[in-house]
Amino acid sequence: MLENNDFKNIFSELIEFGISRYNQYYNEKYQDTQFVIYQKYTYEDVCRLLNWKNNEVPLNIGGYKYDKDTKTFPVFINYDKNEEINDTIKYEDHFVSNKKLIAISKSGRTESSEDVQNFLNAKERGIKVELFVRKNKDDKISKEFYYLGRMNATGNVKEFIMPNTNKSAVEIEWILETPVREDIYEYIINC
């Protein structure tokens, strides 16, 4: 096929376009990650770029998942929640500012739960907590989250019973290593 000049020219243009797009949008990696801050990623992209052995389905991730082999802990937040969802998954995650976030653990967790302890002791344990946020789950086309960088738990936590349930959860305060860019922040927090 490469002996056909028309095909060869189209193929070359396609390769050049791909390289140009990579250089424009994906060349500047965040810290030591394979991610570019403010770019969008699917669950599958995240598992692959974190070098996980297995691609996890979203249901198995359920908001966050720790991978012991890579010591990575991506957190996925749907910022606007549908009012009709089950009370046990109606987390009230919210930004306090463009660099501070309150996120809720999975239901059924306490301060002593392993995942909460991994969050609170991430730095000492060498765990990297990466934040991915999308406005809501209504984006039926892309299912993509904005990558907002790394975050660190401040140690401010509050265990509580989720409203209308008998399930405990833990509210965790986070500081983002990179404040969220104003346009992305405004898009996420405003209805």
Protein backbone atom coordinates (compact mmCIF):
# COMPACT_ATOMS: atom_id res chain seq x y z
CA MET A 1 0.00 0.00 0.00
CA LEU A 2 2.89 2.37 0.70
CA GLU A 3 3.89 2.14 -2.97
CA ASN A 4 0.64 3.94 -3.81
CA ASN A 5 1.59 7.66 -3.53
CA ASP A 6 -1.94 8.83 -2.66
CA PHE A 7 -2.21 6.32 0.17
CA LYS A 8 1.34 7.08 1.32
CA ASN A 9 0.61 10.85 1.44
CA ILE A 10 -2.62 10.36 3.40
CA PHE A 11 -0.90 7.95 5.77
CA SER A 12 2.01 10.41 6.31
CA GLU A 13 -0.41 13.27 7.01
CA LEU A 14 -2.23 11.13 9.54
CA ILE A 15 1.02 10.29 11.34
CA GLU A 16 2.06 13.98 11.34
CA PHE A 17 -1.37 14.98 12.71
CA GLY A 18 -1.08 12.41 15.52
CA ILE A 19 2.39 13.63 16.49
CA SER A 20 1.25 17.26 16.34
CA ARG A 21 -1.80 16.52 18.52
CA TYR A 22 0.36 14.64 21.04
CA ASN A 23 2.82 17.54 21.22
CA GLN A 24 0.00 20.05 21.61
CA TYR A 25 -2.08 18.25 24.25
CA TYR A 26 -0.15 15.42 25.86
CA ASN A 27 3.54 16.30 25.85
CA GLU A 28 3.72 18.07 29.23
CA LYS A 29 3.30 15.30 31.78
CA TYR A 30 2.37 16.14 35.36
CA GLN A 31 5.22 15.40 37.77
CA ASP A 32 6.26 11.75 37.38
CA THR A 33 2.91 10.59 35.91
CA GLN A 34 1.77 9.74 32.39
CA PHE A 35 -1.08 12.26 32.79
CA VAL A 36 -1.44 15.83 31.60
CA ILE A 37 -3.21 18.10 34.04
CA TYR A 38 -6.70 19.22 32.85
CA GLN A 39 -6.83 16.61 30.08
CA LYS A 40 -9.68 14.09 30.14
CA TYR A 41 -9.29 10.37 30.82
CA THR A 42 -11.62 7.38 31.02
CA TYR A 43 -11.38 4.70 33.71
CA GLU A 44 -9.68 2.47 31.15
CA ASP A 45 -7.14 5.19 30.28
CA VAL A 46 -6.30 5.65 33.96
CA CYS A 47 -5.75 1.94 34.62
CA ARG A 48 -3.52 1.67 31.57
CA LEU A 49 -1.51 4.85 32.26
CA LEU A 50 -0.98 3.83 35.90
CA ASN A 51 0.47 0.53 34.60
CA TRP A 52 -2.06 -1.65 36.39
CA LYS A 53 -1.91 -5.34 35.50
CA ASN A 54 -5.68 -5.43 34.93
CA ASN A 55 -8.14 -2.99 33.45
CA GLU A 56 -10.78 -2.52 36.15
CA VAL A 57 -14.41 -1.98 35.25
CA PRO A 58 -15.94 1.19 36.73
CA LEU A 59 -18.17 -0.83 39.07
CA ASN A 60 -15.08 -2.40 40.68
CA ILE A 61 -13.46 1.00 41.12
CA GLY A 62 -16.53 2.54 42.70
CA GLY A 63 -15.06 6.01 43.24
CA TYR A 64 -11.53 4.94 44.07
CA LYS A 65 -9.31 1.91 44.03
CA TYR A 66 -5.86 1.20 45.42
CA ASP A 67 -3.38 -0.82 43.37
CA LYS A 68 -0.77 -2.44 45.65
CA ASP A 69 1.69 -3.21 42.85
CA THR A 70 2.02 0.38 41.64
CA LYS A 71 1.06 2.09 44.94
CA THR A 72 -1.35 4.29 43.02
CA PHE A 73 -4.74 5.35 44.32
CA PRO A 74 -6.89 7.18 41.76
CA VAL A 75 -9.99 8.93 43.09
CA PHE A 76 -12.89 9.49 40.68
CA ILE A 77 -15.51 12.07 41.63
CA ASN A 78 -18.83 12.74 39.92
CA TYR A 79 -19.31 16.28 41.22
CA ASP A 80 -23.05 16.72 40.60
CA LYS A 81 -25.06 13.79 41.91
CA ASN A 82 -28.40 12.67 40.56
CA GLU A 83 -30.96 13.12 43.34
CA GLU A 84 -32.51 9.74 42.53
CA ILE A 85 -29.42 7.64 43.33
CA ASN A 86 -29.31 5.30 46.31
CA ASP A 87 -28.59 7.04 49.64
CA THR A 88 -25.61 4.73 50.28
CA ILE A 89 -23.78 6.23 47.27
CA LYS A 90 -25.02 9.83 47.59
CA TYR A 91 -21.63 11.26 48.57
CA GLU A 92 -21.41 14.97 49.22
CA ASP A 93 -17.94 15.56 47.80
CA HIS A 94 -17.28 19.26 47.28
CA PHE A 95 -14.58 21.82 46.71
CA VAL A 96 -13.99 24.28 49.52
CA SER A 97 -11.70 26.28 47.21
CA ASN A 98 -9.68 25.64 44.06
CA LYS A 99 -7.06 23.88 46.17
CA LYS A 100 -9.09 22.26 48.95
CA LEU A 101 -11.56 19.39 48.57
CA ILE A 102 -13.81 17.48 50.92
CA ALA A 103 -14.33 13.90 49.69
CA ILE A 104 -16.31 11.11 51.28
CA SER A 105 -15.06 7.52 51.62
CA LYS A 106 -17.13 4.62 50.37
CA SER A 107 -20.04 3.71 52.60
CA GLY A 108 -19.42 1.20 55.35
CA ARG A 109 -16.01 2.70 56.16
CA THR A 110 -14.61 4.01 59.44
CA GLU A 111 -11.44 5.93 60.24
CA SER A 112 -9.67 2.60 60.83
CA SER A 113 -10.69 1.08 57.46
CA GLU A 114 -7.71 0.10 55.30
CA ASP A 115 -8.59 2.42 52.41
CA VAL A 116 -9.09 5.40 54.73
CA GLN A 117 -5.78 4.62 56.46
CA ASN A 118 -4.06 4.43 53.06
CA PHE A 119 -5.43 7.88 52.26
CA LEU A 120 -4.40 9.37 55.60
CA ASN A 121 -0.92 7.78 55.55
CA ALA A 122 -0.31 7.92 51.79
CA LYS A 123 2.89 9.95 52.03
CA GLU A 124 4.46 7.65 54.65
CA ARG A 125 3.39 4.56 52.69
CA GLY A 126 4.63 5.89 49.33
CA ILE A 127 1.12 5.95 47.86
CA LYS A 128 0.26 8.46 45.13
CA VAL A 129 -3.33 9.73 45.24
CA GLU A 130 -4.47 11.08 41.87
CA LEU A 131 -7.68 13.14 41.45
CA PHE A 132 -10.09 12.77 38.52
CA VAL A 133 -13.31 14.81 38.43
CA ARG A 134 -16.22 15.07 36.02
CA LYS A 135 -19.20 17.33 36.40
CA ASN A 136 -21.71 14.47 36.35
CA LYS A 137 -22.44 11.01 34.99
CA ASP A 138 -24.83 12.36 32.33
CA ASP A 139 -22.03 12.53 29.76
CA LYS A 140 -23.13 9.38 27.94
CA ILE A 141 -20.63 9.85 25.12
CA SER A 142 -17.16 10.20 26.60
CA LYS A 143 -17.30 9.01 30.24
CA GLU A 144 -14.18 11.11 30.80
CA PHE A 145 -12.82 12.79 33.91
CA TYR A 146 -10.56 15.83 34.13
CA TYR A 147 -7.22 14.98 35.69
CA LEU A 148 -6.59 17.53 38.45
CA GLY A 149 -3.27 16.26 39.80
CA ARG A 150 -2.17 14.80 43.09
CA MET A 151 -3.75 15.48 46.42
CA ASN A 152 -2.80 14.90 50.03
CA ALA A 153 -5.07 14.31 53.02
CA THR A 154 -4.71 17.01 55.66
CA GLY A 155 -5.58 14.65 58.50
CA ASN A 156 -8.89 16.42 59.12
CA VAL A 157 -11.45 13.61 59.05
CA LYS A 158 -14.93 13.09 60.37
CA GLU A 159 -16.69 9.75 60.65
CA PHE A 160 -20.48 9.97 60.26
CA ILE A 161 -23.60 7.99 59.40
CA MET A 162 -24.77 8.67 55.84
CA PRO A 163 -28.21 10.36 55.76
CA ASN A 164 -31.19 7.99 55.53
CA THR A 165 -28.95 4.93 56.05
CA ASN A 166 -27.23 3.07 58.86
CA LYS A 167 -23.91 3.06 56.95
CA SER A 168 -20.88 4.91 58.24
CA ALA A 169 -18.53 6.88 56.00
CA VAL A 170 -15.57 9.18 56.52
CA GLU A 171 -15.28 12.76 55.36
CA ILE A 172 -11.66 13.52 54.38
CA GLU A 173 -10.18 16.94 53.76
CA TRP A 174 -7.67 17.12 50.89
CA ILE A 175 -5.19 19.69 49.65
CA LEU A 176 -4.46 19.61 45.93
CA GLU A 177 -0.80 19.95 45.01
CA THR A 178 -1.82 22.15 42.07
CA PRO A 179 -4.77 24.54 42.48
CA VAL A 180 -7.50 23.89 39.88
CA ARG A 181 -7.36 26.28 36.94
CA GLU A 182 -10.13 28.89 37.27
CA ASP A 183 -12.16 27.98 34.16
CA ILE A 184 -12.21 24.26 34.99
CA TYR A 185 -13.00 25.01 38.65
CA GLU A 186 -15.93 27.29 37.73
CA TYR A 187 -17.27 24.74 35.24
CA ILE A 188 -17.20 21.95 37.82
CA ILE A 189 -18.70 23.78 40.80
CA ASN A 190 -21.41 25.77 39.02
CA CYS A 191 -24.73 24.17 38.05
